[in-house]
Amino acid sequence: MKNIDIRIKMNNARVKGYEVASALGIAETSFSRMLARRELSEAEKQKILAVIEELKGEM
């Protein structure tokens, strides 16, 4: 499974994929495909992880 670190972080933060996708300004299906198809670069991962932390803080 690709991008497992992002998936684990989302699960631990209790943040849904659609919430992350919305914060990134992309469709949920696009975000899901992005995670599934290829390992993301470190820059992409850091951007997504920052969004997860931001959403986690809003809860």
N, C-alpha and C. Protein backbone atom coordinates (compact mmCIF):
# COMPACT_ATOMS: atom_id res chain seq x y z
N MET A 1 0.85 -1.17 0.00
CA MET A 1 0.00 0.00 0.00
C MET A 1 0.90 1.24 0.00
N LYS A 2 0.58 2.16 -0.85
CA LYS A 2 1.37 3.37 -0.98
C LYS A 2 0.90 4.45 0.00
N ASN A 3 1.81 5.32 0.38
CA ASN A 3 1.53 6.46 1.26
C ASN A 3 0.89 6.05 2.58
N ILE A 4 1.38 4.97 3.12
CA ILE A 4 0.82 4.43 4.37
C ILE A 4 0.98 5.41 5.52
N ASP A 5 2.06 6.21 5.50
CA ASP A 5 2.27 7.17 6.58
C ASP A 5 1.16 8.22 6.61
N ILE A 6 0.71 8.64 5.47
CA ILE A 6 -0.39 9.61 5.41
C ILE A 6 -1.69 8.96 5.87
N ARG A 7 -1.92 7.75 5.44
CA ARG A 7 -3.15 7.03 5.83
C ARG A 7 -3.20 6.82 7.35
N ILE A 8 -2.08 6.45 7.93
CA ILE A 8 -2.02 6.24 9.39
C ILE A 8 -2.26 7.56 10.11
N LYS A 9 -1.63 8.63 9.64
CA LYS A 9 -1.79 9.94 10.27
C LYS A 9 -3.26 10.39 10.21
N MET A 10 -3.91 10.18 9.07
CA MET A 10 -5.33 10.54 8.94
C MET A 10 -6.17 9.73 9.92
N ASN A 11 -5.90 8.45 10.03
CA ASN A 11 -6.65 7.58 10.92
C ASN A 11 -6.46 8.00 12.37
N ASN A 12 -5.21 8.24 12.77
CA ASN A 12 -4.93 8.63 14.15
C ASN A 12 -5.53 9.98 14.51
N ALA A 13 -5.58 10.88 13.53
CA ALA A 13 -6.13 12.22 13.75
C ALA A 13 -7.65 12.23 13.60
N ARG A 14 -8.20 11.11 13.17
CA ARG A 14 -9.65 10.99 12.92
C ARG A 14 -10.12 12.04 11.92
N VAL A 15 -9.33 12.16 10.86
CA VAL A 15 -9.64 13.08 9.77
C VAL A 15 -9.98 12.23 8.55
N LYS A 16 -11.04 12.57 7.88
CA LYS A 16 -11.49 11.83 6.70
C LYS A 16 -10.82 12.35 5.44
N GLY A 17 -10.72 11.48 4.44
CA GLY A 17 -10.12 11.85 3.17
C GLY A 17 -10.82 13.00 2.49
N TYR A 18 -12.14 13.04 2.58
CA TYR A 18 -12.88 14.13 1.94
C TYR A 18 -12.57 15.47 2.60
N GLU A 19 -12.26 15.46 3.90
CA GLU A 19 -11.91 16.70 4.59
C GLU A 19 -10.55 17.22 4.12
N VAL A 20 -9.60 16.30 3.97
CA VAL A 20 -8.27 16.68 3.49
C VAL A 20 -8.37 17.18 2.05
N ALA A 21 -9.11 16.45 1.23
CA ALA A 21 -9.27 16.84 -0.17
C ALA A 21 -9.89 18.23 -0.28
N SER A 22 -10.89 18.49 0.51
CA SER A 22 -11.55 19.79 0.48
C SER A 22 -10.58 20.90 0.87
N ALA A 23 -9.79 20.66 1.90
CA ALA A 23 -8.80 21.65 2.35
C ALA A 23 -7.73 21.89 1.29
N LEU A 24 -7.43 20.86 0.50
CA LEU A 24 -6.44 20.99 -0.58
C LEU A 24 -7.04 21.60 -1.84
N GLY A 25 -8.37 21.67 -1.88
CA GLY A 25 -9.04 22.23 -3.05
C GLY A 25 -9.16 21.27 -4.21
N ILE A 26 -9.20 19.97 -3.89
CA ILE A 26 -9.36 18.95 -4.93
C ILE A 26 -10.53 18.04 -4.58
N ALA A 27 -10.97 17.26 -5.55
CA ALA A 27 -12.07 16.33 -5.33
C ALA A 27 -11.60 15.14 -4.49
N GLU A 28 -12.52 14.58 -3.74
CA GLU A 28 -12.20 13.42 -2.90
C GLU A 28 -11.65 12.26 -3.73
N THR A 29 -12.24 12.03 -4.90
CA THR A 29 -11.77 10.93 -5.75
C THR A 29 -10.35 11.18 -6.24
N SER A 30 -10.03 12.43 -6.55
CA SER A 30 -8.67 12.76 -6.99
C SER A 30 -7.67 12.51 -5.88
N PHE A 31 -8.04 12.89 -4.66
CA PHE A 31 -7.16 12.67 -3.51
C PHE A 31 -6.95 11.18 -3.27
N SER A 32 -8.02 10.43 -3.34
CA SER A 32 -7.94 8.98 -3.13
C SER A 32 -7.03 8.32 -4.17
N ARG A 33 -7.21 8.73 -5.43
CA ARG A 33 -6.37 8.18 -6.51
C ARG A 33 -4.91 8.60 -6.33
N MET A 34 -4.69 9.82 -5.89
CA MET A 34 -3.34 10.32 -5.68
C MET A 34 -2.61 9.46 -4.65
N LEU A 35 -3.31 9.09 -3.60
CA LEU A 35 -2.70 8.26 -2.56
C LEU A 35 -2.46 6.83 -3.04
N ALA A 36 -3.34 6.33 -3.88
CA ALA A 36 -3.28 4.93 -4.28
C ALA A 36 -2.30 4.64 -5.41
N ARG A 37 -2.10 5.58 -6.31
CA ARG A 37 -1.37 5.28 -7.54
C ARG A 37 0.13 5.36 -7.45
N ARG A 38 0.65 6.30 -6.67
CA ARG A 38 2.11 6.44 -6.61
C ARG A 38 2.50 6.99 -5.25
N GLU A 39 3.72 6.69 -4.88
CA GLU A 39 4.27 7.25 -3.65
C GLU A 39 4.51 8.74 -3.88
N LEU A 40 4.00 9.56 -2.98
CA LEU A 40 4.11 11.00 -3.13
C LEU A 40 5.52 11.48 -2.77
N SER A 41 5.90 12.62 -3.34
CA SER A 41 7.19 13.22 -3.00
C SER A 41 7.13 13.74 -1.57
N GLU A 42 8.28 14.01 -1.00
CA GLU A 42 8.32 14.53 0.36
C GLU A 42 7.60 15.87 0.48
N ALA A 43 7.73 16.72 -0.53
CA ALA A 43 7.06 18.03 -0.51
C ALA A 43 5.55 17.85 -0.49
N GLU A 44 5.04 16.94 -1.31
CA GLU A 44 3.61 16.68 -1.34
C GLU A 44 3.13 16.12 -0.01
N LYS A 45 3.91 15.19 0.54
CA LYS A 45 3.55 14.59 1.82
C LYS A 45 3.51 15.64 2.92
N GLN A 46 4.50 16.51 2.96
CA GLN A 46 4.54 17.54 4.00
C GLN A 46 3.35 18.47 3.91
N LYS A 47 2.93 18.81 2.70
CA LYS A 47 1.76 19.66 2.51
C LYS A 47 0.51 18.98 3.04
N ILE A 48 0.33 17.71 2.72
CA ILE A 48 -0.84 16.95 3.17
C ILE A 48 -0.80 16.76 4.68
N LEU A 49 0.36 16.44 5.24
CA LEU A 49 0.48 16.25 6.68
C LEU A 49 0.18 17.55 7.43
N ALA A 50 0.57 18.68 6.86
CA ALA A 50 0.27 19.97 7.48
C ALA A 50 -1.24 20.22 7.49
N VAL A 51 -1.91 19.85 6.41
CA VAL A 51 -3.37 20.00 6.34
C VAL A 51 -4.03 19.10 7.38
N ILE A 52 -3.54 17.89 7.53
CA ILE A 52 -4.10 16.97 8.53
C ILE A 52 -3.95 17.55 9.93
N GLU A 53 -2.79 18.10 10.24
CA GLU A 53 -2.57 18.71 11.55
C GLU A 53 -3.50 19.90 11.77
N GLU A 54 -3.69 20.69 10.73
CA GLU A 54 -4.58 21.84 10.82
C GLU A 54 -6.02 21.39 11.09
N LEU A 55 -6.46 20.38 10.37
CA LEU A 55 -7.82 19.86 10.56
C LEU A 55 -7.98 19.22 11.93
N LYS A 56 -6.95 18.56 12.38
CA LYS A 56 -6.97 17.92 13.70
C LYS A 56 -7.16 18.98 14.79
N GLY A 57 -6.51 20.12 14.61
CA GLY A 57 -6.61 21.19 15.58
C GLY A 57 -7.99 21.84 15.62
N GLU A 58 -8.72 21.75 14.53
CA GLU A 58 -10.06 22.34 14.46
C GLU A 58 -11.10 21.51 15.19
N MET A 59 -10.78 20.26 15.45
CA MET A 59 -11.77 19.36 16.06
C MET A 59 -11.90 19.62 17.54
